[in-house]
Amino acid sequence: MGDATIEAKAGQILVVPAGVPHKYVNSGRARHIDIHTSGRMSTEWLAE
């Protein structure tokens, strides 16, 4: 999230502020739910 790396654990909730670049890597058998408060979502793919 931004310049930080967060290793999420089971049951953890991560909140990323609008406009902050972020990504996730599923390093196992993770299941997740994404909730977006805006009625419209815009994605801009960033180079790694």
N, C-alpha and C. Protein backbone atom coordinates (compact mmCIF):
# COMPACT_ATOMS: atom_id res chain seq x y z
N MET A 1 0.86 -1.16 0.00
CA MET A 1 0.00 0.00 0.00
C MET A 1 0.91 1.22 0.00
N GLY A 2 0.94 1.92 -1.12
CA GLY A 2 1.92 3.02 -1.23
C GLY A 2 3.32 2.43 -1.22
N ASP A 3 4.19 2.90 -0.32
CA ASP A 3 5.54 2.36 -0.20
C ASP A 3 5.63 1.22 0.82
N ALA A 4 4.53 0.93 1.51
CA ALA A 4 4.53 -0.10 2.56
C ALA A 4 4.15 -1.47 2.02
N THR A 5 4.70 -2.51 2.63
CA THR A 5 4.29 -3.88 2.35
C THR A 5 3.63 -4.42 3.61
N ILE A 6 2.42 -4.93 3.47
CA ILE A 6 1.68 -5.45 4.61
C ILE A 6 1.36 -6.91 4.33
N GLU A 7 1.75 -7.80 5.23
CA GLU A 7 1.41 -9.21 5.10
C GLU A 7 0.16 -9.45 5.93
N ALA A 8 -0.97 -9.54 5.25
CA ALA A 8 -2.25 -9.68 5.93
C ALA A 8 -2.42 -11.09 6.47
N LYS A 9 -3.07 -11.18 7.62
CA LYS A 9 -3.37 -12.45 8.28
C LYS A 9 -4.87 -12.72 8.19
N ALA A 10 -5.27 -13.94 8.44
CA ALA A 10 -6.68 -14.33 8.42
C ALA A 10 -7.50 -13.41 9.31
N GLY A 11 -8.60 -12.91 8.78
CA GLY A 11 -9.50 -12.04 9.54
C GLY A 11 -9.11 -10.58 9.56
N GLN A 12 -7.98 -10.23 8.99
CA GLN A 12 -7.51 -8.84 9.00
C GLN A 12 -8.23 -8.04 7.93
N ILE A 13 -8.50 -6.78 8.23
CA ILE A 13 -9.13 -5.86 7.29
C ILE A 13 -8.13 -4.78 6.96
N LEU A 14 -7.91 -4.54 5.67
CA LEU A 14 -7.01 -3.48 5.22
C LEU A 14 -7.83 -2.41 4.52
N VAL A 15 -7.59 -1.17 4.87
CA VAL A 15 -8.29 -0.04 4.25
C VAL A 15 -7.25 0.81 3.55
N VAL A 16 -7.43 0.99 2.25
CA VAL A 16 -6.50 1.79 1.45
C VAL A 16 -7.22 3.08 1.05
N PRO A 17 -6.69 4.24 1.42
CA PRO A 17 -7.33 5.50 1.05
C PRO A 17 -7.40 5.68 -0.47
N ALA A 18 -8.40 6.39 -0.92
CA ALA A 18 -8.55 6.68 -2.34
C ALA A 18 -7.30 7.38 -2.86
N GLY A 19 -6.87 6.99 -4.06
CA GLY A 19 -5.72 7.63 -4.69
C GLY A 19 -4.38 7.05 -4.29
N VAL A 20 -4.35 6.09 -3.36
CA VAL A 20 -3.08 5.48 -2.96
C VAL A 20 -2.84 4.24 -3.81
N PRO A 21 -1.72 4.18 -4.54
CA PRO A 21 -1.43 2.99 -5.35
C PRO A 21 -1.33 1.76 -4.45
N HIS A 22 -1.92 0.65 -4.90
CA HIS A 22 -1.87 -0.57 -4.12
C HIS A 22 -2.05 -1.79 -5.02
N LYS A 23 -1.64 -2.94 -4.51
CA LYS A 23 -1.82 -4.21 -5.21
C LYS A 23 -1.84 -5.30 -4.15
N TYR A 24 -2.22 -6.50 -4.57
CA TYR A 24 -2.13 -7.62 -3.66
C TYR A 24 -1.53 -8.82 -4.38
N VAL A 25 -0.91 -9.69 -3.62
CA VAL A 25 -0.33 -10.91 -4.14
C VAL A 25 -0.92 -12.05 -3.31
N ASN A 26 -1.58 -12.99 -3.96
CA ASN A 26 -2.14 -14.14 -3.28
C ASN A 26 -1.05 -15.19 -3.18
N SER A 27 -0.40 -15.28 -2.02
CA SER A 27 0.73 -16.19 -1.87
C SER A 27 0.30 -17.57 -1.36
N GLY A 28 -0.99 -17.80 -1.33
CA GLY A 28 -1.48 -19.10 -0.87
C GLY A 28 -2.86 -19.35 -1.43
N ARG A 29 -3.77 -19.72 -0.56
CA ARG A 29 -5.14 -20.00 -0.98
C ARG A 29 -6.08 -18.96 -0.40
N ALA A 30 -5.68 -17.72 -0.48
CA ALA A 30 -6.45 -16.63 0.10
C ALA A 30 -7.77 -16.40 -0.62
N ARG A 31 -8.77 -16.00 0.14
CA ARG A 31 -10.04 -15.53 -0.41
C ARG A 31 -10.23 -14.13 0.15
N HIS A 32 -10.74 -13.24 -0.67
CA HIS A 32 -10.91 -11.87 -0.20
C HIS A 32 -12.15 -11.26 -0.81
N ILE A 33 -12.62 -10.21 -0.17
CA ILE A 33 -13.77 -9.42 -0.64
C ILE A 33 -13.29 -7.99 -0.78
N ASP A 34 -13.52 -7.39 -1.94
CA ASP A 34 -13.16 -5.99 -2.15
C ASP A 34 -14.44 -5.16 -2.08
N ILE A 35 -14.43 -4.13 -1.25
CA ILE A 35 -15.58 -3.24 -1.12
C ILE A 35 -15.14 -1.84 -1.52
N HIS A 36 -15.83 -1.28 -2.50
CA HIS A 36 -15.52 0.07 -2.97
C HIS A 36 -16.73 0.95 -2.68
N THR A 37 -16.52 2.05 -1.96
CA THR A 37 -17.63 2.90 -1.57
C THR A 37 -18.16 3.76 -2.70
N SER A 38 -17.38 3.91 -3.75
CA SER A 38 -17.82 4.71 -4.89
C SER A 38 -18.68 3.85 -5.82
N GLY A 39 -19.66 4.45 -6.46
CA GLY A 39 -20.46 3.75 -7.43
C GLY A 39 -19.71 3.46 -8.72
N ARG A 40 -18.55 4.05 -8.87
CA ARG A 40 -17.73 3.89 -10.07
C ARG A 40 -16.29 3.64 -9.66
N MET A 41 -15.65 2.67 -10.30
CA MET A 41 -14.26 2.37 -10.00
C MET A 41 -13.42 2.53 -11.26
N SER A 42 -12.32 3.23 -11.13
CA SER A 42 -11.41 3.44 -12.26
C SER A 42 -10.08 2.78 -11.93
N THR A 43 -9.56 1.98 -12.85
CA THR A 43 -8.29 1.27 -12.64
C THR A 43 -7.23 1.82 -13.58
N GLU A 44 -6.07 2.12 -13.02
CA GLU A 44 -4.92 2.53 -13.81
C GLU A 44 -3.79 1.56 -13.48
N TRP A 45 -3.37 0.76 -14.45
CA TRP A 45 -2.33 -0.23 -14.21
C TRP A 45 -0.97 0.47 -14.19
N LEU A 46 -0.22 0.28 -13.12
CA LEU A 46 1.08 0.91 -12.96
C LEU A 46 2.18 -0.09 -13.30
N ALA A 47 3.26 0.38 -13.89
CA ALA A 47 4.41 -0.47 -14.19
C ALA A 47 5.10 -0.85 -12.89
N GLU A 48 5.64 -2.05 -12.87
CA GLU A 48 6.35 -2.49 -11.65
C GLU A 48 7.80 -2.16 -11.70
